[in-house]
Amino acid sequence: MEKPVIADKSPIPVELKKGETYYYCTCGKSSSQPFCDGSHQGTSFEPLAFEAKEDGTAYLCACKHTKNPPYCDGTHNSL
């Protein structure tokens, strides 16, 4: 199994709008972090579609090792 690229070792704050669907990058190669730009093509990775549950700032994982994707769970502190 391929391992994702660690895009950053801190979460990325993003403004989300309730009810909108977003596509989270799982491979770590996207230049549009934390969102997918198609850079996973040719890999075993697929973007993770998720719907925002509320308006506001969310902290999305950039290390790609969270146990609660797409949200940061602090795993980057142990990498």
C-alpha atoms as a PDB file:
ATOM      1  CA  MET A   1       0.000   0.000   0.000  1.00  0.00           C
ATOM      2  CA  GLU A   2       1.280   3.433  -0.937  1.00  0.00           C
ATOM      3  CA  LYS A   3       1.870   6.005   1.772  1.00  0.00           C
ATOM      4  CA  PRO A   4       0.662   9.577   1.346  1.00  0.00           C
ATOM      5  CA  VAL A   5       3.049  12.493   1.009  1.00  0.00           C
ATOM      6  CA  ILE A   6       3.127  14.641   4.143  1.00  0.00           C
ATOM      7  CA  ALA A   7       2.069  18.001   2.721  1.00  0.00           C
ATOM      8  CA  ASP A   8       2.619  19.804   6.042  1.00  0.00           C
ATOM      9  CA  LYS A   9       2.946  19.018   9.741  1.00  0.00           C
ATOM     10  CA  SER A  10       0.216  21.369  10.864  1.00  0.00           C
ATOM     11  CA  PRO A  11      -3.490  21.575  10.030  1.00  0.00           C
ATOM     12  CA  ILE A  12      -4.798  23.891   7.328  1.00  0.00           C
ATOM     13  CA  PRO A  13      -7.609  26.231   8.409  1.00  0.00           C
ATOM     14  CA  VAL A  14     -10.329  26.557   5.747  1.00  0.00           C
ATOM     15  CA  GLU A  15     -13.701  28.272   5.630  1.00  0.00           C
ATOM     16  CA  LEU A  16     -16.468  25.799   4.863  1.00  0.00           C
ATOM     17  CA  LYS A  17     -20.098  26.440   3.951  1.00  0.00           C
ATOM     18  CA  LYS A  18     -22.817  24.218   5.397  1.00  0.00           C
ATOM     19  CA  GLY A  19     -24.206  21.748   2.867  1.00  0.00           C
ATOM     20  CA  GLU A  20     -21.398  22.177   0.307  1.00  0.00           C
ATOM     21  CA  THR A  21     -19.396  19.164  -0.842  1.00  0.00           C
ATOM     22  CA  TYR A  22     -15.610  19.336  -0.762  1.00  0.00           C
ATOM     23  CA  TYR A  23     -12.964  16.937  -2.062  1.00  0.00           C
ATOM     24  CA  TYR A  24     -10.119  16.412   0.399  1.00  0.00           C
ATOM     25  CA  CYS A  25      -6.718  15.367  -0.955  1.00  0.00           C
ATOM     26  CA  THR A  26      -5.652  12.008   0.489  1.00  0.00           C
ATOM     27  CA  CYS A  27      -2.394  11.571  -1.458  1.00  0.00           C
ATOM     28  CA  GLY A  28      -0.637  14.738  -0.251  1.00  0.00           C
ATOM     29  CA  LYS A  29       0.494  15.701  -3.767  1.00  0.00           C
ATOM     30  CA  SER A  30      -2.124  18.358  -4.528  1.00  0.00           C
ATOM     31  CA  SER A  31      -0.884  21.910  -5.024  1.00  0.00           C
ATOM     32  CA  SER A  32      -4.313  23.046  -3.772  1.00  0.00           C
ATOM     33  CA  GLN A  33      -3.929  21.614  -0.240  1.00  0.00           C
ATOM     34  CA  PRO A  34      -5.974  20.486   1.552  1.00  0.00           C
ATOM     35  CA  PHE A  35      -8.216  19.950  -1.454  1.00  0.00           C
ATOM     36  CA  CYS A  36      -7.770  17.622  -4.428  1.00  0.00           C
ATOM     37  CA  ASP A  37      -6.426  18.938  -7.740  1.00  0.00           C
ATOM     38  CA  GLY A  38      -6.182  15.561  -9.488  1.00  0.00           C
ATOM     39  CA  SER A  39      -2.517  14.925  -8.628  1.00  0.00           C
ATOM     40  CA  HIS A  40      -3.451  11.446  -7.361  1.00  0.00           C
ATOM     41  CA  GLN A  41      -3.894  10.211 -10.958  1.00  0.00           C
ATOM     42  CA  GLY A  42      -1.837   7.063 -11.469  1.00  0.00           C
ATOM     43  CA  THR A  43      -1.753   6.254  -7.737  1.00  0.00           C
ATOM     44  CA  SER A  44      -3.971   4.142  -5.495  1.00  0.00           C
ATOM     45  CA  PHE A  45      -5.374   7.280  -3.826  1.00  0.00           C
ATOM     46  CA  GLU A  46      -8.795   8.834  -4.367  1.00  0.00           C
ATOM     47  CA  PRO A  47     -10.076  12.145  -2.986  1.00  0.00           C
ATOM     48  CA  LEU A  48     -12.401  12.008   0.000  1.00  0.00           C
ATOM     49  CA  ALA A  49     -15.739  13.718  -0.647  1.00  0.00           C
ATOM     50  CA  PHE A  50     -17.308  15.266   2.436  1.00  0.00           C
ATOM     51  CA  GLU A  51     -20.158  17.649   3.168  1.00  0.00           C
ATOM     52  CA  ALA A  52     -19.692  20.527   5.586  1.00  0.00           C
ATOM     53  CA  LYS A  53     -22.028  20.154   8.564  1.00  0.00           C
ATOM     54  CA  GLU A  54     -21.837  23.845   9.476  1.00  0.00           C
ATOM     55  CA  ASP A  55     -20.492  27.200   8.298  1.00  0.00           C
ATOM     56  CA  GLY A  56     -17.149  28.217   9.719  1.00  0.00           C
ATOM     57  CA  THR A  57     -13.493  27.429  10.051  1.00  0.00           C
ATOM     58  CA  ALA A  58     -12.401  23.789   9.990  1.00  0.00           C
ATOM     59  CA  TYR A  59      -8.874  22.515  10.520  1.00  0.00           C
ATOM     60  CA  LEU A  60      -8.130  19.934   7.853  1.00  0.00           C
ATOM     61  CA  CYS A  61      -5.284  17.463   8.090  1.00  0.00           C
ATOM     62  CA  ALA A  62      -2.221  18.208   5.974  1.00  0.00           C
ATOM     63  CA  CYS A  63      -0.038  15.311   7.170  1.00  0.00           C
ATOM     64  CA  LYS A  64      -2.562  12.839   5.681  1.00  0.00           C
ATOM     65  CA  HIS A  65      -2.221  10.468   8.658  1.00  0.00           C
ATOM     66  CA  THR A  66      -5.254  11.564  10.724  1.00  0.00           C
ATOM     67  CA  LYS A  67      -7.579   8.858  12.004  1.00  0.00           C
ATOM     68  CA  ASN A  68     -10.519  11.240  11.426  1.00  0.00           C
ATOM     69  CA  PRO A  69     -10.167  12.438   7.814  1.00  0.00           C
ATOM     70  CA  PRO A  70     -10.435  15.110   6.631  1.00  0.00           C
ATOM     71  CA  TYR A  71     -10.122  16.705  10.066  1.00  0.00           C
ATOM     72  CA  CYS A  72      -6.860  17.102  11.975  1.00  0.00           C
ATOM     73  CA  ASP A  73      -6.582  14.907  15.070  1.00  0.00           C
ATOM     74  CA  GLY A  74      -3.058  15.935  16.104  1.00  0.00           C
ATOM     75  CA  THR A  75      -1.297  12.934  14.561  1.00  0.00           C
ATOM     76  CA  HIS A  76       1.198  15.326  12.932  1.00  0.00           C
ATOM     77  CA  ASN A  77       2.743  15.839  16.385  1.00  0.00           C
ATOM     78  CA  SER A  78       4.084  12.276  16.370  1.00  0.00           C
ATOM     79  CA  LEU A  79       5.492  12.198  12.818  1.00  0.00           C
END
